[in-house]
Every structure is written in C-alpha cells, then in structure tokens.
Amino acid sequence: MQGAGMHGTGAQGTGAQGTGAQGTGAQGTWEQGAREQGAAPDSAEADTDAAAALAHGLARLARRRRAMGSRWTSGAQPGQGPAGPEVASPAAGCRDLAALAAGVAACQACPLGAARTQAVPGAGQGARRVLFVGAAPSAEDDRIGAPISGPSGSLLTDIITKGMGLERIRDVAVTTLVKCHPPGGRAPSPAEREGCRPWFERQLELLAPRVVIALGAEAGAALLRLEGPLAQLRGRVHDLAGRQLVVTFHPDELLRDPSQKRACWQDIQLALRAAGLPVPGRG
C-alpha cells in the first residue's frame, strides 16, 4: 500500500512492554500516564477521595446488578441497556482520563465486568486529536490492559507511524467502545454497548478529537447506531455528535486479507484531511 508503510507488522513486538517507542502494550495507557505525571499533594488527595467515591458508587451499582439477576437482557435494543443511565453519572464526573480509567476499572455495571481479566479504558495522549476506536478489547488486550495489541497492534502502529507520520503514544489515542473483553471473543451485545457508551462519550469530551477513526464495520455501525456492511460505511466522513468519523478496516481484517491495505490507506488519507493534518508524501 503506497505511502502507508503497511506491508507487514514490522519488528515492533507485541508484549506488555509495548512495541518499541510507540507501544501497543501497557505503555501509554491512561492509568500509567497518571502514575508517571504525578500530582500535587492536595490534588492527589482530592483525586483519591474522588476515586474512592466513584468505586463505592460503582460497587453499589454492581450489587444492584447482581440482585437484578435475569432482568439483565443481553439482547436489549440500543438505548434500552440497563447500565447506561446509571453509568452516565460516574462517567460525567470524571475530570480527566486518569479518573475515567479508574472509573472503568471499578465498573461492574454489566456482566462483562465479572468475566474480564481487567478493564481496557484506552491509551495514548491524542496530541494531534486523532482517536482510533475498536468495538471491544481482544483476549490479548484483556490480558495486558491496553487496546488493539498483539499483531493487530503492531500493524496499527505501522499505520500511525509509517503511514500517517505520527507517534502512537503522543499523537493519537486508541480505545474501544466496550471496555471489557466479551467471553469467547463474541461481539458485544447491544445492551453491553449502550451500557458502556457513557464512558466512551466522556472520553470524546476529554480528548476532543478532530477525527474519530472507527476500526471495522462493527465499531463503525455501533458508533453511528446503524447497521450496514463496511463497504457502505467507508469512503465518506460521517457526523458523530458534531465530530467527524471515518470508518476503515480493523487491523485484524488487514492481517487476514492484505489486499485491502490500499483501500485502508485511502480511508486514512480521508481521515487526515478531515483532521486538517498533512498526508505524508502528498505535499
């Protein structure tokens, strides 16, 4: 694929320590960023109190969920998932990405919270205001706590660094609409997507991306709350609550079918232009 540097996954590595300087592992996650940046004593104390209150509220929500038992319906239609309205208040109260990561880690609002190894809030600083969004964490993401990892993460890093001319940790942010890995790698149910959506919507507010790049038809359709194959979602800029959204292939799809890399590069160019960023090699 001309200009995108996506002819392989490179020698970046896929372990929990990241992929070289860019990182597709735990490096660059919002939890780690909060630890590295530190905080003033008064601020740290306030954040601790806020996190404790958030964890208490989410634990109370989890107890209510368990009491509801069979009232949880994984087949609920969008907007009918029982977790969404109750997650909205804790999510809206998150002042920064570190607080949001703590809230997601404490969340037990739907059955995925009990099945996960760990929550996967997101990673990256998003300095160039580009946000990549997948549908849900993979088993590898669940293991290391970072989104779009493993071989797919290495390919995404190539797209970002070799294709877009950006740095993965500093320049872009990466997340998933659902923050916990669905058991067996199944697709998230409509109720699970809607239940987790307040966390994602708060991420949008905090990151303020110029462009959102949805990875795969599942993520694109869920974000837009519509159904359709990838071919119908690609090739144009969509509106996502006043933000620009471009849908492209998930790296998993590109690994299965490398012939689609050229089409993916076309989508990436569209996203760069939508964000007002230069297209490498195009002047």
Protein backbone atom coordinates (compact mmCIF):
# COMPACT_ATOMS: atom_id res chain seq x y z
CA MET A 1 0.00 0.00 0.00
CA GLN A 2 1.72 3.10 -1.27
CA GLY A 3 2.79 5.56 1.37
CA ALA A 4 1.19 3.76 4.28
CA GLY A 5 4.03 1.52 5.30
CA MET A 6 1.62 -1.34 5.92
CA HIS A 7 3.32 -4.20 4.12
CA GLY A 8 3.92 -6.06 7.33
CA THR A 9 3.69 -5.85 11.07
CA GLY A 10 7.31 -4.89 11.45
CA ALA A 11 9.64 -5.82 14.29
CA GLN A 12 7.80 -3.80 16.84
CA GLY A 13 6.95 -6.60 19.26
CA THR A 14 3.64 -7.21 20.93
CA GLY A 15 4.36 -7.88 24.58
CA ALA A 16 3.09 -5.99 27.59
CA GLN A 17 6.01 -3.58 27.41
CA GLY A 18 4.79 -2.14 24.11
CA THR A 19 6.08 -2.09 20.59
CA GLY A 20 9.29 -0.16 20.63
CA ALA A 21 8.99 3.55 21.28
CA GLN A 22 5.40 3.68 20.11
CA GLY A 23 3.92 0.97 22.28
CA THR A 24 0.93 -1.26 21.74
CA GLY A 25 1.17 -2.81 25.17
CA ALA A 26 0.61 -1.29 28.59
CA GLN A 27 2.84 1.69 27.76
CA GLY A 28 0.86 4.84 27.15
CA THR A 29 -2.29 3.67 28.91
CA TRP A 30 -4.09 6.39 30.83
CA GLU A 31 -3.54 4.62 34.17
CA GLN A 32 0.22 4.58 33.57
CA GLY A 33 0.22 8.18 32.40
CA ALA A 34 -1.36 9.31 35.65
CA ARG A 35 1.29 7.48 37.67
CA GLU A 36 4.17 8.92 35.63
CA GLN A 37 2.91 12.51 35.65
CA GLY A 38 2.34 12.62 39.40
CA ALA A 39 0.23 15.26 41.09
CA ALA A 40 0.42 17.95 43.71
CA PRO A 41 -0.37 16.63 47.23
CA ASP A 42 -3.71 18.42 47.51
CA SER A 43 -4.70 17.34 44.01
CA ALA A 44 -3.64 13.76 44.67
CA GLU A 45 -5.68 13.66 47.88
CA ALA A 46 -8.73 15.04 46.08
CA ASP A 47 -8.31 12.53 43.27
CA THR A 48 -8.02 9.70 45.80
CA ASP A 49 -11.22 10.79 47.51
CA ALA A 50 -12.99 11.09 44.15
CA ALA A 51 -11.78 7.67 43.03
CA ALA A 52 -12.91 6.12 46.32
CA ALA A 53 -16.36 7.68 45.98
CA LEU A 54 -16.57 6.52 42.37
CA ALA A 55 -15.52 2.98 43.30
CA HIS A 56 -18.08 2.93 46.11
CA GLY A 57 -20.85 4.04 43.79
CA LEU A 58 -19.94 1.50 41.13
CA ALA A 59 -19.70 -1.28 43.70
CA ARG A 60 -23.21 -0.38 44.86
CA LEU A 61 -24.33 -0.49 41.23
CA ALA A 62 -22.75 -3.93 40.85
CA ARG A 63 -24.70 -5.21 43.86
CA ARG A 64 -27.89 -3.92 42.30
CA ARG A 65 -26.98 -5.65 39.04
CA ARG A 66 -26.49 -8.98 40.82
CA ALA A 67 -29.83 -8.52 42.57
CA MET A 68 -31.48 -7.93 39.21
CA GLY A 69 -30.29 -11.33 38.02
CA SER A 70 -32.23 -12.41 34.95
CA ARG A 71 -33.60 -8.91 34.44
CA TRP A 72 -30.40 -8.17 32.53
CA THR A 73 -31.20 -8.81 28.88
CA SER A 74 -28.20 -9.07 26.59
CA GLY A 75 -30.45 -8.66 23.57
CA ALA A 76 -31.81 -5.26 24.55
CA GLN A 77 -32.10 -2.71 21.80
CA PRO A 78 -29.92 0.41 21.71
CA GLY A 79 -30.92 2.83 24.45
CA GLN A 80 -32.56 0.05 26.50
CA GLY A 81 -29.44 -1.40 28.12
CA PRO A 82 -29.96 -1.07 31.89
CA ALA A 83 -26.42 0.02 32.73
CA GLY A 84 -26.18 3.12 30.56
CA PRO A 85 -28.22 5.63 32.59
CA GLU A 86 -26.54 4.59 35.86
CA VAL A 87 -23.03 4.68 34.39
CA ALA A 88 -23.69 8.13 32.92
CA SER A 89 -23.34 9.98 36.23
CA PRO A 90 -19.97 8.45 37.26
CA ALA A 91 -18.64 8.90 33.74
CA ALA A 92 -19.69 12.55 33.57
CA GLY A 93 -17.94 13.18 36.88
CA CYS A 94 -14.52 12.12 35.58
CA ARG A 95 -12.31 15.22 35.38
CA ASP A 96 -9.56 13.66 33.28
CA LEU A 97 -8.55 10.45 31.54
CA ALA A 98 -6.88 9.04 34.64
CA ALA A 99 -10.09 9.43 36.64
CA LEU A 100 -12.04 7.87 33.80
CA ALA A 101 -9.63 4.92 33.70
CA ALA A 102 -10.14 4.43 37.45
CA GLY A 103 -13.90 4.52 36.97
CA VAL A 104 -13.81 1.98 34.16
CA ALA A 105 -11.56 -0.28 36.25
CA ALA A 106 -14.07 -0.18 39.09
CA CYS A 107 -17.15 -0.59 36.91
CA GLN A 108 -19.24 -3.72 37.41
CA ALA A 109 -22.38 -2.34 35.79
CA CYS A 110 -22.85 -5.24 33.37
CA PRO A 111 -21.91 -8.95 33.32
CA LEU A 112 -18.72 -8.28 31.37
CA GLY A 113 -17.18 -6.76 34.50
CA ALA A 114 -17.23 -10.10 36.27
CA ALA A 115 -15.85 -12.02 33.29
CA ARG A 116 -12.90 -9.79 32.38
CA THR A 117 -9.28 -10.14 33.44
CA GLN A 118 -9.02 -6.37 33.57
CA ALA A 119 -10.76 -3.38 32.06
CA VAL A 120 -9.24 -1.69 29.00
CA PRO A 121 -10.04 2.05 29.17
CA GLY A 122 -7.67 3.27 26.45
CA ALA A 123 -4.18 4.58 25.71
CA GLY A 124 -2.37 7.46 24.06
CA GLN A 125 -2.23 11.21 24.60
CA GLY A 126 -4.06 12.24 21.43
CA ALA A 127 -1.97 15.40 20.96
CA ARG A 128 -2.87 15.58 17.26
CA ARG A 129 -6.53 14.98 18.14
CA VAL A 130 -6.93 11.66 16.33
CA LEU A 131 -8.88 8.88 18.06
CA PHE A 132 -8.99 5.24 16.91
CA VAL A 133 -11.93 3.20 18.18
CA GLY A 134 -12.43 -0.57 18.05
CA ALA A 135 -15.56 -2.45 19.05
CA ALA A 136 -14.25 -4.30 22.12
CA PRO A 137 -10.97 -5.47 23.67
CA SER A 138 -9.45 -8.70 22.36
CA ALA A 139 -8.25 -11.53 24.60
CA GLU A 140 -4.72 -10.09 24.35
CA ASP A 141 -5.99 -6.62 25.25
CA ASP A 142 -7.75 -8.15 28.24
CA ARG A 143 -4.51 -9.83 29.31
CA ILE A 144 -2.30 -6.73 29.23
CA GLY A 145 -4.86 -3.96 29.78
CA ALA A 146 -4.20 -1.99 26.58
CA PRO A 147 -6.35 -1.64 23.42
CA ILE A 148 -5.50 -3.04 19.97
CA SER A 149 -2.46 -5.07 20.98
CA GLY A 150 -0.69 -8.15 19.63
CA PRO A 151 -0.13 -8.47 15.86
CA SER A 152 -3.06 -6.12 15.20
CA GLY A 153 -1.43 -3.57 17.46
CA SER A 154 1.84 -3.79 15.56
CA LEU A 155 0.02 -3.20 12.29
CA LEU A 156 -1.91 -0.27 13.77
CA THR A 157 1.38 1.21 14.94
CA ASP A 158 2.69 0.91 11.36
CA ILE A 159 -0.42 2.69 10.06
CA ILE A 160 0.10 5.51 12.56
CA THR A 161 3.86 5.91 12.29
CA LYS A 162 4.76 4.88 8.74
CA GLY A 163 1.50 5.85 7.10
CA MET A 164 0.29 8.90 8.98
CA GLY A 165 3.69 10.15 10.12
CA LEU A 166 2.53 10.36 13.74
CA GLU A 167 3.61 8.80 17.04
CA ARG A 168 1.25 6.30 18.59
CA ILE A 169 1.59 7.26 22.25
CA ARG A 170 1.94 11.03 21.87
CA ASP A 171 -0.13 11.94 18.83
CA VAL A 172 -3.16 9.63 18.81
CA ALA A 173 -5.44 7.95 21.31
CA VAL A 174 -6.78 4.41 20.98
CA THR A 175 -9.79 2.95 22.72
CA THR A 176 -12.74 0.60 22.29
CA LEU A 177 -16.43 1.32 22.59
CA VAL A 178 -16.89 -1.51 25.10
CA LYS A 179 -14.21 -1.54 27.81
CA CYS A 180 -14.25 -5.24 28.77
CA HIS A 181 -13.48 -8.34 26.70
CA PRO A 182 -16.64 -10.32 25.90
CA PRO A 183 -16.19 -14.01 26.85
CA GLY A 184 -15.10 -16.21 23.98
CA GLY A 185 -14.39 -13.22 21.78
CA ARG A 186 -18.05 -12.81 20.84
CA ALA A 187 -19.40 -9.47 19.67
CA PRO A 188 -20.73 -7.20 22.43
CA SER A 189 -24.49 -7.24 22.76
CA PRO A 190 -26.50 -4.06 22.11
CA ALA A 191 -27.11 -3.71 25.85
CA GLU A 192 -23.40 -4.03 26.62
CA ARG A 193 -22.53 -1.42 24.02
CA GLU A 194 -25.11 1.03 25.30
CA GLY A 195 -24.21 0.35 28.92
CA CYS A 196 -20.57 1.26 28.25
CA ARG A 197 -21.31 4.18 25.96
CA PRO A 198 -21.26 6.89 28.69
CA TRP A 199 -17.60 6.07 29.34
CA PHE A 200 -16.83 6.47 25.64
CA GLU A 201 -18.81 9.68 25.33
CA ARG A 202 -16.88 11.17 28.24
CA GLN A 203 -13.66 10.12 26.50
CA LEU A 204 -14.79 12.08 23.45
CA GLU A 205 -15.35 15.16 25.59
CA LEU A 206 -11.97 14.88 27.31
CA LEU A 207 -9.94 14.07 24.18
CA ALA A 208 -11.87 16.41 21.82
CA PRO A 209 -10.63 14.64 18.68
CA ARG A 210 -10.81 16.36 15.32
CA VAL A 211 -11.44 12.97 13.74
CA VAL A 212 -12.54 9.57 15.06
CA ILE A 213 -11.41 6.54 13.07
CA ALA A 214 -13.63 3.51 13.62
CA LEU A 215 -11.81 0.21 13.11
CA GLY A 216 -14.15 -2.22 11.41
CA ALA A 217 -17.82 -2.32 10.49
CA GLU A 218 -18.84 -3.43 13.97
CA ALA A 219 -17.30 -0.38 15.62
CA GLY A 220 -18.50 2.00 12.91
CA ALA A 221 -22.07 0.75 12.95
CA ALA A 222 -22.22 0.78 16.76
CA LEU A 223 -20.90 4.33 16.97
CA LEU A 224 -23.36 5.55 14.35
CA ARG A 225 -26.21 3.41 15.76
CA LEU A 226 -26.98 1.92 12.38
CA GLU A 227 -26.41 -1.34 10.56
CA GLY A 228 -24.59 -1.97 7.33
CA PRO A 229 -21.55 -3.65 5.82
CA LEU A 230 -18.16 -2.00 5.83
CA ALA A 231 -18.47 -1.12 2.13
CA GLN A 232 -21.46 1.11 2.92
CA LEU A 233 -19.71 2.85 5.84
CA ARG A 234 -16.37 3.57 4.19
CA GLY A 235 -15.39 6.34 1.80
CA ARG A 236 -17.07 9.32 3.46
CA VAL A 237 -16.95 11.44 6.59
CA HIS A 238 -19.82 10.77 9.00
CA ASP A 239 -21.12 13.01 11.76
CA LEU A 240 -20.71 11.66 15.31
CA ALA A 241 -22.36 14.13 17.67
CA GLY A 242 -20.69 17.01 15.88
CA ARG A 243 -17.37 15.23 15.41
CA GLN A 244 -16.00 13.78 12.19
CA LEU A 245 -15.94 9.99 11.89
CA VAL A 246 -14.23 7.86 9.26
CA VAL A 247 -14.73 4.09 9.14
CA THR A 248 -11.98 1.78 7.93
CA PHE A 249 -10.78 -1.80 8.27
CA HIS A 250 -9.79 -3.27 11.61
CA PRO A 251 -6.14 -4.39 11.58
CA ASP A 252 -7.35 -7.96 12.11
CA GLU A 253 -9.10 -7.77 8.74
CA LEU A 254 -5.96 -6.47 7.07
CA LEU A 255 -3.92 -9.32 8.51
CA ARG A 256 -6.43 -11.80 7.07
CA ASP A 257 -6.64 -10.01 3.72
CA PRO A 258 -3.59 -7.81 2.99
CA SER A 259 -5.07 -6.85 -0.39
CA GLN A 260 -7.34 -4.40 1.49
CA LYS A 261 -4.40 -2.29 2.72
CA ARG A 262 -4.62 0.06 -0.25
CA ALA A 263 -8.30 0.72 0.48
CA CYS A 264 -7.42 1.29 4.14
CA TRP A 265 -4.80 3.84 3.13
CA GLN A 266 -7.48 5.71 1.19
CA ASP A 267 -9.56 5.87 4.38
CA ILE A 268 -6.58 7.06 6.41
CA GLN A 269 -5.93 9.87 3.91
CA LEU A 270 -9.59 10.89 4.20
CA ALA A 271 -9.25 10.97 7.98
CA LEU A 272 -6.04 13.01 7.87
CA ARG A 273 -7.67 15.60 5.64
CA ALA A 274 -10.73 15.72 7.89
CA ALA A 275 -8.44 16.43 10.84
CA GLY A 276 -6.56 19.11 8.92
CA LEU A 277 -3.34 17.08 9.04
CA PRO A 278 -0.92 16.66 6.14
CA VAL A 279 -0.91 13.45 4.13
CA PRO A 280 2.68 12.16 4.07
CA GLY A 281 4.15 12.05 0.59
CA ARG A 282 1.36 14.19 -0.84
CA GLY A 283 2.80 17.62 -0.11
